[in-house]
């Protein structure tokens, strides 16, 4: 197992921070979107409670999915297999006529 450089550790720290912050933003937006009808309309207490719980559950689910998605796509360590970059079929050519 190779040791990671400081730059690799810093990049992973930034990636984790981005995943957490974007997860919180998406979770809050989901919660607010689900709870919006209860805030704008006069609904029975039971309906407000259901919307609140549904918003909480969906917000937590969306947060988890977002964090996992961002971290799964994060660059791996140098020794791991990375997908090869897409190469053009004809490098240096912009059109078939050139």
PDB file of N, CA and C in Angstrom:
ATOM      1  N   UNK A   1       0.845  -1.172   0.000  1.00  0.00           N
ATOM      2  CA  UNK A   1       0.000   0.000   0.000  1.00  0.00           C
ATOM      3  C   UNK A   1       0.891   1.236   0.000  1.00  0.00           C
ATOM      4  N   UNK A   2       0.635   2.115  -0.944  1.00  0.00           N
ATOM      5  CA  UNK A   2       1.459   3.314  -1.048  1.00  0.00           C
ATOM      6  C   UNK A   2       0.885   4.423  -0.188  1.00  0.00           C
ATOM      7  N   UNK A   3       1.772   5.276   0.276  1.00  0.00           N
ATOM      8  CA  UNK A   3       1.328   6.433   1.067  1.00  0.00           C
ATOM      9  C   UNK A   3       0.831   7.507   0.121  1.00  0.00           C
ATOM     10  N   UNK A   4      -0.193   8.201   0.543  1.00  0.00           N
ATOM     11  CA  UNK A   4      -0.739   9.283  -0.274  1.00  0.00           C
ATOM     12  C   UNK A   4       0.047  10.556  -0.017  1.00  0.00           C
ATOM     13  N   UNK A   5       0.154  11.350  -1.055  1.00  0.00           N
ATOM     14  CA  UNK A   5       0.831  12.634  -0.914  1.00  0.00           C
ATOM     15  C   UNK A   5      -0.092  13.619  -0.223  1.00  0.00           C
ATOM     16  N   UNK A   6       0.472  14.726   0.204  1.00  0.00           N
ATOM     17  CA  UNK A   6      -0.338  15.768   0.851  1.00  0.00           C
ATOM     18  C   UNK A   6      -1.386  16.310  -0.111  1.00  0.00           C
ATOM     19  N   UNK A   7      -1.025  16.440  -1.371  1.00  0.00           N
ATOM     20  CA  UNK A   7      -1.978  16.942  -2.364  1.00  0.00           C
ATOM     21  C   UNK A   7      -3.160  15.985  -2.528  1.00  0.00           C
ATOM     22  N   UNK A   8      -2.892  14.675  -2.517  1.00  0.00           N
ATOM     23  CA  UNK A   8      -3.973  13.699  -2.634  1.00  0.00           C
ATOM     24  C   UNK A   8      -4.884  13.737  -1.400  1.00  0.00           C
ATOM     25  N   UNK A   9      -4.287  13.890  -0.226  1.00  0.00           N
ATOM     26  CA  UNK A   9      -5.085  13.986   1.001  1.00  0.00           C
ATOM     27  C   UNK A   9      -5.922  15.261   1.001  1.00  0.00           C
ATOM     28  N   UNK A  10      -5.338  16.361   0.558  1.00  0.00           N
ATOM     29  CA  UNK A  10      -6.077  17.620   0.483  1.00  0.00           C
ATOM     30  C   UNK A  10      -7.229  17.522  -0.518  1.00  0.00           C
ATOM     31  N   UNK A  11      -6.977  16.890  -1.656  1.00  0.00           N
ATOM     32  CA  UNK A  11      -8.023  16.735  -2.662  1.00  0.00           C
ATOM     33  C   UNK A  11      -9.180  15.898  -2.122  1.00  0.00           C
ATOM     34  N   UNK A  12      -8.863  14.859  -1.375  1.00  0.00           N
ATOM     35  CA  UNK A  12      -9.920  14.031  -0.808  1.00  0.00           C
ATOM     36  C   UNK A  12     -10.700  14.791   0.266  1.00  0.00           C
ATOM     37  N   UNK A  13     -10.006  15.619   1.047  1.00  0.00           N
ATOM     38  CA  UNK A  13     -10.684  16.430   2.049  1.00  0.00           C
ATOM     39  C   UNK A  13     -11.667  17.396   1.391  1.00  0.00           C
ATOM     40  N   UNK A  14     -11.243  18.024   0.315  1.00  0.00           N
ATOM     41  CA  UNK A  14     -12.123  18.942  -0.419  1.00  0.00           C
ATOM     42  C   UNK A  14     -13.305  18.176  -0.999  1.00  0.00           C
ATOM     43  N   UNK A  15     -13.055  16.990  -1.526  1.00  0.00           N
ATOM     44  CA  UNK A  15     -14.120  16.178  -2.110  1.00  0.00           C
ATOM     45  C   UNK A  15     -15.154  15.779  -1.051  1.00  0.00           C
ATOM     46  N   UNK A  16     -14.690  15.405   0.137  1.00  0.00           N
ATOM     47  CA  UNK A  16     -15.601  15.040   1.221  1.00  0.00           C
ATOM     48  C   UNK A  16     -16.417  16.265   1.652  1.00  0.00           C
ATOM     49  N   UNK A  17     -15.753  17.406   1.776  1.00  0.00           N
ATOM     50  CA  UNK A  17     -16.459  18.631   2.142  1.00  0.00           C
ATOM     51  C   UNK A  17     -17.515  18.996   1.125  1.00  0.00           C
ATOM     52  N   UNK A  18     -17.175  18.889  -0.144  1.00  0.00           N
ATOM     53  CA  UNK A  18     -18.141  19.176  -1.210  1.00  0.00           C
ATOM     54  C   UNK A  18     -19.324  18.213  -1.143  1.00  0.00           C
ATOM     55  N   UNK A  19     -19.039  16.937  -0.912  1.00  0.00           N
ATOM     56  CA  UNK A  19     -20.108  15.946  -0.839  1.00  0.00           C
ATOM     57  C   UNK A  19     -21.061  16.265   0.308  1.00  0.00           C
ATOM     58  N   UNK A  20     -20.512  16.625   1.460  1.00  0.00           N
ATOM     59  CA  UNK A  20     -21.358  16.921   2.616  1.00  0.00           C
ATOM     60  C   UNK A  20     -22.174  18.192   2.415  1.00  0.00           C
ATOM     61  N   UNK A  21     -21.539  19.249   1.925  1.00  0.00           N
ATOM     62  CA  UNK A  21     -22.252  20.517   1.731  1.00  0.00           C
ATOM     63  C   UNK A  21     -23.328  20.373   0.662  1.00  0.00           C
ATOM     64  N   UNK A  22     -23.008  19.755  -0.454  1.00  0.00           N
ATOM     65  CA  UNK A  22     -24.016  19.600  -1.501  1.00  0.00           C
ATOM     66  C   UNK A  22     -25.125  18.653  -1.047  1.00  0.00           C
ATOM     67  N   UNK A  23     -24.786  17.661  -0.235  1.00  0.00           N
ATOM     68  CA  UNK A  23     -25.805  16.769   0.308  1.00  0.00           C
ATOM     69  C   UNK A  23     -26.774  17.511   1.212  1.00  0.00           C
ATOM     70  N   UNK A  24     -26.245  18.403   2.054  1.00  0.00           N
ATOM     71  CA  UNK A  24     -27.103  19.191   2.945  1.00  0.00           C
ATOM     72  C   UNK A  24     -28.009  20.115   2.132  1.00  0.00           C
ATOM     73  N   UNK A  25     -27.463  20.750   1.115  1.00  0.00           N
ATOM     74  CA  UNK A  25     -28.263  21.668   0.288  1.00  0.00           C
ATOM     75  C   UNK A  25     -29.402  20.912  -0.396  1.00  0.00           C
ATOM     76  N   UNK A  26     -29.104  19.760  -0.964  1.00  0.00           N
ATOM     77  CA  UNK A  26     -30.141  18.988  -1.654  1.00  0.00           C
ATOM     78  C   UNK A  26     -31.166  18.452  -0.648  1.00  0.00           C
ATOM     79  N   UNK A  27     -30.711  18.033   0.523  1.00  0.00           N
ATOM     80  CA  UNK A  27     -31.633  17.529   1.540  1.00  0.00           C
ATOM     81  C   UNK A  27     -32.577  18.625   2.036  1.00  0.00           C
ATOM     82  N   UNK A  28     -32.038  19.810   2.268  1.00  0.00           N
ATOM     83  CA  UNK A  28     -32.876  20.922   2.728  1.00  0.00           C
ATOM     84  C   UNK A  28     -33.884  21.309   1.639  1.00  0.00           C
ATOM     85  N   UNK A  29     -33.454  21.333   0.400  1.00  0.00           N
ATOM     86  CA  UNK A  29     -34.366  21.658  -0.697  1.00  0.00           C
ATOM     87  C   UNK A  29     -35.467  20.601  -0.818  1.00  0.00           C
ATOM     88  N   UNK A  30     -35.125  19.341  -0.633  1.00  0.00           N
ATOM     89  CA  UNK A  30     -36.126  18.276  -0.686  1.00  0.00           C
ATOM     90  C   UNK A  30     -37.118  18.412   0.464  1.00  0.00           C
ATOM     91  N   UNK A  31     -36.595  18.622   1.667  1.00  0.00           N
ATOM     92  CA  UNK A  31     -37.458  18.782   2.833  1.00  0.00           C
ATOM     93  C   UNK A  31     -38.409  19.965   2.645  1.00  0.00           C
ATOM     94  N   UNK A  32     -37.875  21.092   2.185  1.00  0.00           N
ATOM     95  CA  UNK A  32     -38.697  22.284   1.978  1.00  0.00           C
ATOM     96  C   UNK A  32     -39.732  22.044   0.882  1.00  0.00           C
ATOM     97  N   UNK A  33     -39.342  21.351  -0.168  1.00  0.00           N
ATOM     98  CA  UNK A  33     -40.283  21.069  -1.246  1.00  0.00           C
ATOM     99  C   UNK A  33     -41.434  20.188  -0.815  1.00  0.00           C
ATOM    100  N   UNK A  34     -41.145  19.217   0.036  1.00  0.00           N
ATOM    101  CA  UNK A  34     -42.206  18.340   0.524  1.00  0.00           C
ATOM    102  C   UNK A  34     -43.073  19.072   1.533  1.00  0.00           C
ATOM    103  N   UNK A  35     -42.479  19.913   2.360  1.00  0.00           N
ATOM    104  CA  UNK A  35     -43.220  20.598   3.418  1.00  0.00           C
ATOM    105  C   UNK A  35     -43.917  21.871   2.918  1.00  0.00           C
ATOM    106  N   UNK A  36     -43.617  22.309   1.719  1.00  0.00           N
ATOM    107  CA  UNK A  36     -44.179  23.553   1.188  1.00  0.00           C
ATOM    108  C   UNK A  36     -45.706  23.601   1.205  1.00  0.00           C
ATOM    109  N   UNK A  37     -46.408  22.540   0.816  1.00  0.00           N
ATOM    110  CA  UNK A  37     -47.876  22.613   0.885  1.00  0.00           C
ATOM    111  C   UNK A  37     -48.395  22.856   2.300  1.00  0.00           C
ATOM    112  N   UNK A  38     -47.741  22.292   3.292  1.00  0.00           N
ATOM    113  CA  UNK A  38     -48.176  22.489   4.676  1.00  0.00           C
ATOM    114  C   UNK A  38     -47.937  23.929   5.121  1.00  0.00           C
ATOM    115  N   UNK A  39     -46.919  24.573   4.564  1.00  0.00           N
ATOM    116  CA  UNK A  39     -46.638  25.954   4.944  1.00  0.00           C
ATOM    117  C   UNK A  39     -47.574  26.935   4.235  1.00  0.00           C
ATOM    118  N   UNK A  40     -47.989  26.613   3.019  1.00  0.00           N
ATOM    119  CA  UNK A  40     -48.810  27.529   2.235  1.00  0.00           C
ATOM    120  C   UNK A  40     -50.312  27.325   2.434  1.00  0.00           C
ATOM    121  N   UNK A  41     -50.720  26.106   2.706  1.00  0.00           N
ATOM    122  CA  UNK A  41     -52.136  25.791   2.837  1.00  0.00           C
ATOM    123  C   UNK A  41     -52.464  25.442   4.286  1.00  0.00           C
ATOM    124  N   UNK A  42     -53.710  25.613   4.626  1.00  0.00           N
ATOM    125  CA  UNK A  42     -54.145  25.177   5.948  1.00  0.00           C
ATOM    126  C   UNK A  42     -54.568  23.720   5.843  1.00  0.00           C
ATOM    127  N   UNK A  43     -53.698  22.851   6.294  1.00  0.00           N
ATOM    128  CA  UNK A  43     -53.966  21.422   6.252  1.00  0.00           C
ATOM    129  C   UNK A  43     -54.266  20.924   7.663  1.00  0.00           C
ATOM    130  N   UNK A  44     -54.966  19.804   7.770  1.00  0.00           N
ATOM    131  CA  UNK A  44     -55.190  19.214   9.093  1.00  0.00           C
ATOM    132  C   UNK A  44     -53.850  18.835   9.747  1.00  0.00           C
ATOM    133  N   UNK A  45     -53.851  18.764  11.071  1.00  0.00           N
ATOM    134  CA  UNK A  45     -52.616  18.454  11.797  1.00  0.00           C
ATOM    135  C   UNK A  45     -52.002  17.124  11.354  1.00  0.00           C
ATOM    136  N   UNK A  46     -52.842  16.148  11.083  1.00  0.00           N
ATOM    137  CA  UNK A  46     -52.340  14.839  10.640  1.00  0.00           C
ATOM    138  C   UNK A  46     -51.597  14.936   9.314  1.00  0.00           C
ATOM    139  N   UNK A  47     -52.134  15.709   8.384  1.00  0.00           N
ATOM    140  CA  UNK A  47     -51.484  15.868   7.075  1.00  0.00           C
ATOM    141  C   UNK A  47     -50.159  16.608   7.217  1.00  0.00           C
ATOM    142  N   UNK A  48     -50.133  17.624   8.080  1.00  0.00           N
ATOM    143  CA  UNK A  48     -48.874  18.347   8.300  1.00  0.00           C
ATOM    144  C   UNK A  48     -47.816  17.433   8.910  1.00  0.00           C
ATOM    145  N   UNK A  49     -48.231  16.589   9.839  1.00  0.00           N
ATOM    146  CA  UNK A  49     -47.306  15.665  10.479  1.00  0.00           C
ATOM    147  C   UNK A  49     -46.764  14.654   9.460  1.00  0.00           C
ATOM    148  N   UNK A  50     -47.647  14.156   8.593  1.00  0.00           N
ATOM    149  CA  UNK A  50     -47.225  13.194   7.568  1.00  0.00           C
ATOM    150  C   UNK A  50     -46.247  13.849   6.602  1.00  0.00           C
ATOM    151  N   UNK A  51     -46.557  15.076   6.168  1.00  0.00           N
ATOM    152  CA  UNK A  51     -45.648  15.772   5.256  1.00  0.00           C
ATOM    153  C   UNK A  51     -44.301  16.054   5.920  1.00  0.00           C
ATOM    154  N   UNK A  52     -44.330  16.404   7.184  1.00  0.00           N
ATOM    155  CA  UNK A  52     -43.089  16.663   7.911  1.00  0.00           C
ATOM    156  C   UNK A  52     -42.230  15.405   8.006  1.00  0.00           C
ATOM    157  N   UNK A  53     -42.857  14.295   8.350  1.00  0.00           N
ATOM    158  CA  UNK A  53     -42.103  13.029   8.438  1.00  0.00           C
ATOM    159  C   UNK A  53     -41.611  12.582   7.060  1.00  0.00           C
ATOM    160  N   UNK A  54     -42.461  12.716   6.047  1.00  0.00           N
ATOM    161  CA  UNK A  54     -42.053  12.337   4.691  1.00  0.00           C
ATOM    162  C   UNK A  54     -40.893  13.209   4.217  1.00  0.00           C
ATOM    163  N   UNK A  55     -40.953  14.505   4.512  1.00  0.00           N
ATOM    164  CA  UNK A  55     -39.854  15.391   4.138  1.00  0.00           C
ATOM    165  C   UNK A  55     -38.567  15.034   4.845  1.00  0.00           C
ATOM    166  N   UNK A  56     -38.673  14.660   6.118  1.00  0.00           N
ATOM    167  CA  UNK A  56     -37.478  14.269   6.871  1.00  0.00           C
ATOM    168  C   UNK A  56     -36.863  12.997   6.304  1.00  0.00           C
ATOM    169  N   UNK A  57     -37.697  12.009   6.037  1.00  0.00           N
ATOM    170  CA  UNK A  57     -37.199  10.735   5.501  1.00  0.00           C
ATOM    171  C   UNK A  57     -36.613  10.931   4.108  1.00  0.00           C
ATOM    172  N   UNK A  58     -37.326  11.646   3.250  1.00  0.00           N
ATOM    173  CA  UNK A  58     -36.815  11.881   1.891  1.00  0.00           C
ATOM    174  C   UNK A  58     -35.549  12.737   1.908  1.00  0.00           C
ATOM    175  N   UNK A  59     -35.505  13.731   2.794  1.00  0.00           N
ATOM    176  CA  UNK A  59     -34.295  14.550   2.903  1.00  0.00           C
ATOM    177  C   UNK A  59     -33.085  13.727   3.320  1.00  0.00           C
ATOM    178  N   UNK A  60     -33.278  12.838   4.294  1.00  0.00           N
ATOM    179  CA  UNK A  60     -32.173  11.968   4.732  1.00  0.00           C
ATOM    180  C   UNK A  60     -31.752  11.019   3.613  1.00  0.00           C
ATOM    181  N   UNK A  61     -32.719  10.492   2.894  1.00  0.00           N
ATOM    182  CA  UNK A  61     -32.410   9.583   1.785  1.00  0.00           C
ATOM    183  C   UNK A  61     -31.654  10.307   0.678  1.00  0.00           C
ATOM    184  N   UNK A  62     -32.121  11.489   0.319  1.00  0.00           N
ATOM    185  CA  UNK A  62     -31.465  12.265  -0.741  1.00  0.00           C
ATOM    186  C   UNK A  62     -30.051  12.662  -0.311  1.00  0.00           C
ATOM    187  N   UNK A  63     -29.884  13.041   0.954  1.00  0.00           N
ATOM    188  CA  UNK A  63     -28.554  13.377   1.471  1.00  0.00           C
ATOM    189  C   UNK A  63     -27.608  12.191   1.312  1.00  0.00           C
ATOM    190  N   UNK A  64     -28.054  11.023   1.727  1.00  0.00           N
ATOM    191  CA  UNK A  64     -27.207   9.830   1.651  1.00  0.00           C
ATOM    192  C   UNK A  64     -26.849   9.491   0.211  1.00  0.00           C
ATOM    193  N   UNK A  65     -27.834   9.531  -0.659  1.00  0.00           N
ATOM    194  CA  UNK A  65     -27.584   9.213  -2.070  1.00  0.00           C
ATOM    195  C   UNK A  65     -26.608  10.216  -2.676  1.00  0.00           C
ATOM    196  N   UNK A  66     -26.766  11.489  -2.365  1.00  0.00           N
ATOM    197  CA  UNK A  66     -25.877  12.519  -2.921  1.00  0.00           C
ATOM    198  C   UNK A  66     -24.438  12.334  -2.437  1.00  0.00           C
ATOM    199  N   UNK A  67     -24.256  12.106  -1.150  1.00  0.00           N
ATOM    200  CA  UNK A  67     -22.901  11.940  -0.606  1.00  0.00           C
ATOM    201  C   UNK A  67     -22.236  10.705  -1.216  1.00  0.00           C
ATOM    202  N   UNK A  68     -22.960   9.598  -1.286  1.00  0.00           N
ATOM    203  CA  UNK A  68     -22.392   8.373  -1.868  1.00  0.00           C
ATOM    204  C   UNK A  68     -22.061   8.591  -3.336  1.00  0.00           C
ATOM    205  N   UNK A  69     -22.945   9.260  -4.060  1.00  0.00           N
ATOM    206  CA  UNK A  69     -22.709   9.500  -5.491  1.00  0.00           C
ATOM    207  C   UNK A  69     -21.451  10.348  -5.721  1.00  0.00           C
ATOM    208  N   UNK A  70     -21.318  11.423  -4.966  1.00  0.00           N
ATOM    209  CA  UNK A  70     -20.158  12.305  -5.144  1.00  0.00           C
ATOM    210  C   UNK A  70     -18.865  11.578  -4.765  1.00  0.00           C
ATOM    211  N   UNK A  71     -18.871  10.868  -3.648  1.00  0.00           N
ATOM    212  CA  UNK A  71     -17.650  10.192  -3.217  1.00  0.00           C
ATOM    213  C   UNK A  71     -17.310   8.992  -4.095  1.00  0.00           C
ATOM    214  N   UNK A  72     -18.317   8.350  -4.657  1.00  0.00           N
ATOM    215  CA  UNK A  72     -18.061   7.220  -5.548  1.00  0.00           C
ATOM    216  C   UNK A  72     -17.349   7.683  -6.815  1.00  0.00           C
ATOM    217  N   UNK A  73     -17.691   8.884  -7.284  1.00  0.00           N
ATOM    218  CA  UNK A  73     -17.087   9.408  -8.510  1.00  0.00           C
ATOM    219  C   UNK A  73     -15.771  10.133  -8.259  1.00  0.00           C
ATOM    220  N   UNK A  74     -15.369  10.265  -7.017  1.00  0.00           N
ATOM    221  CA  UNK A  74     -14.123  10.963  -6.683  1.00  0.00           C
ATOM    222  C   UNK A  74     -12.942  10.190  -7.257  1.00  0.00           C
ATOM    223  N   UNK A  75     -11.895  10.910  -7.637  1.00  0.00           N
ATOM    224  CA  UNK A  75     -10.695  10.236  -8.153  1.00  0.00           C
ATOM    225  C   UNK A  75     -10.117   9.296  -7.108  1.00  0.00           C
ATOM    226  N   UNK A  76      -9.619   8.178  -7.569  1.00  0.00           N
ATOM    227  CA  UNK A  76      -9.048   7.176  -6.682  1.00  0.00           C
ATOM    228  C   UNK A  76      -7.551   7.423  -6.508  1.00  0.00           C
ATOM    229  N   UNK A  77      -6.926   6.623  -5.674  1.00  0.00           N
ATOM    230  CA  UNK A  77      -5.478   6.705  -5.450  1.00  0.00           C
ATOM    231  C   UNK A  77      -4.744   6.321  -6.734  1.00  0.00           C
ATOM    232  N   UNK A  78      -3.479   6.664  -6.804  1.00  0.00           N
ATOM    233  CA  UNK A  78      -2.692   6.488  -8.030  1.00  0.00           C
ATOM    234  C   UNK A  78      -2.592   5.029  -8.462  1.00  0.00           C
ATOM    235  N   UNK A  79      -2.570   4.095  -7.553  1.00  0.00           N
ATOM    236  CA  UNK A  79      -2.369   2.693  -7.900  1.00  0.00           C
ATOM    237  C   UNK A  79      -3.616   1.970  -8.356  1.00  0.00           C
ATOM    238  N   UNK A  80      -4.774   2.565  -8.242  1.00  0.00           N
ATOM    239  CA  UNK A  80      -6.014   1.886  -8.587  1.00  0.00           C
ATOM    240  C   UNK A  80      -6.338   2.063 -10.060  1.00  0.00           C
ATOM    241  N   UNK A  81      -7.150   1.162 -10.574  1.00  0.00           N
ATOM    242  CA  UNK A  81      -7.553   1.230 -11.972  1.00  0.00           C
ATOM    243  C   UNK A  81      -8.521   2.383 -12.178  1.00  0.00           C
ATOM    244  N   UNK A  82      -8.172   3.262 -13.085  1.00  0.00           N
ATOM    245  CA  UNK A  82      -9.034   4.387 -13.437  1.00  0.00           C
ATOM    246  C   UNK A  82      -9.521   4.189 -14.860  1.00  0.00           C
ATOM    247  N   UNK A  83     -10.699   4.651 -15.181  1.00  0.00           N
ATOM    248  CA  UNK A  83     -11.143   4.543 -16.569  1.00  0.00           C
ATOM    249  C   UNK A  83     -10.255   5.382 -17.472  1.00  0.00           C
ATOM    250  N   UNK A  84      -9.984   4.849 -18.657  1.00  0.00           N
ATOM    251  CA  UNK A  84      -9.127   5.582 -19.572  1.00  0.00           C
ATOM    252  C   UNK A  84      -9.898   6.767 -20.147  1.00  0.00           C
ATOM    253  N   UNK A  85      -9.199   7.887 -20.377  1.00  0.00           N
ATOM    254  CA  UNK A  85      -9.883   9.046 -20.947  1.00  0.00           C
ATOM    255  C   UNK A  85     -10.322   8.763 -22.380  1.00  0.00           C
ATOM    256  N   UNK A  86     -11.390   9.410 -22.775  1.00  0.00           N
ATOM    257  CA  UNK A  86     -11.907   9.216 -24.124  1.00  0.00           C
ATOM    258  C   UNK A  86     -10.984   9.922 -25.104  1.00  0.00           C
ATOM    259  N   UNK A  87     -10.544   9.195 -26.104  1.00  0.00           N
ATOM    260  CA  UNK A  87      -9.654   9.746 -27.116  1.00  0.00           C
ATOM    261  C   UNK A  87     -10.426   9.915 -28.423  1.00  0.00           C
ATOM    262  N   UNK A  88     -10.200  10.993 -29.123  1.00  0.00           N
ATOM    263  CA  UNK A  88     -10.867  11.146 -30.418  1.00  0.00           C
ATOM    264  C   UNK A  88     -10.350  10.094 -31.395  1.00  0.00           C
ATOM    265  N   UNK A  89     -11.198   9.722 -32.328  1.00  0.00           N
ATOM    266  CA  UNK A  89     -10.795   8.695 -33.280  1.00  0.00           C
ATOM    267  C   UNK A  89      -9.727   9.207 -34.246  1.00  0.00           C
ATOM    268  N   UNK A  90      -9.715  10.504 -34.495  1.00  0.00           N
ATOM    269  CA  UNK A  90      -8.728  11.085 -35.397  1.00  0.00           C
ATOM    270  C   UNK A  90      -8.137  12.319 -34.721  1.00  0.00           C
ATOM    271  N   UNK A  91      -7.122  12.149 -33.900  1.00  0.00           N
ATOM    272  CA  UNK A  91      -6.556  13.287 -33.175  1.00  0.00           C
ATOM    273  C   UNK A  91      -6.066  14.386 -34.119  1.00  0.00           C
ATOM    274  N   UNK A  92      -6.359  15.626 -33.768  1.00  0.00           N
ATOM    275  CA  UNK A  92      -5.890  16.756 -34.554  1.00  0.00           C
ATOM    276  C   UNK A  92      -6.795  17.124 -35.705  1.00  0.00           C
ATOM    277  N   UNK A  93      -7.787  16.343 -35.968  1.00  0.00           N
ATOM    278  CA  UNK A  93      -8.701  16.599 -37.084  1.00  0.00           C
ATOM    279  C   UNK A  93     -10.006  17.161 -36.531  1.00  0.00           C
ATOM    280  N   UNK A  94     -10.506  18.219 -37.154  1.00  0.00           N
ATOM    281  CA  UNK A  94     -11.757  18.799 -36.687  1.00  0.00           C
ATOM    282  C   UNK A  94     -12.932  18.444 -37.575  1.00  0.00           C
ATOM    283  N   UNK A  95     -12.656  18.069 -38.810  1.00  0.00           N
ATOM    284  CA  UNK A  95     -13.748  17.656 -39.686  1.00  0.00           C
ATOM    285  C   UNK A  95     -13.219  16.599 -40.663  1.00  0.00           C
ATOM    286  N   UNK A  96     -14.094  15.814 -41.238  1.00  0.00           N
ATOM    287  CA  UNK A  96     -13.625  14.758 -42.165  1.00  0.00           C
ATOM    288  C   UNK A  96     -12.947  15.291 -43.410  1.00  0.00           C
ATOM    289  N   UNK A  97     -13.179  16.563 -43.771  1.00  0.00           N
ATOM    290  CA  UNK A  97     -12.596  17.116 -44.989  1.00  0.00           C
ATOM    291  C   UNK A  97     -11.189  17.632 -44.817  1.00  0.00           C
ATOM    292  N   UNK A  98     -10.703  17.737 -43.589  1.00  0.00           N
ATOM    293  CA  UNK A  98      -9.381  18.352 -43.400  1.00  0.00           C
ATOM    294  C   UNK A  98      -8.268  17.361 -43.556  1.00  0.00           C
TER     295      UNK A  98
END
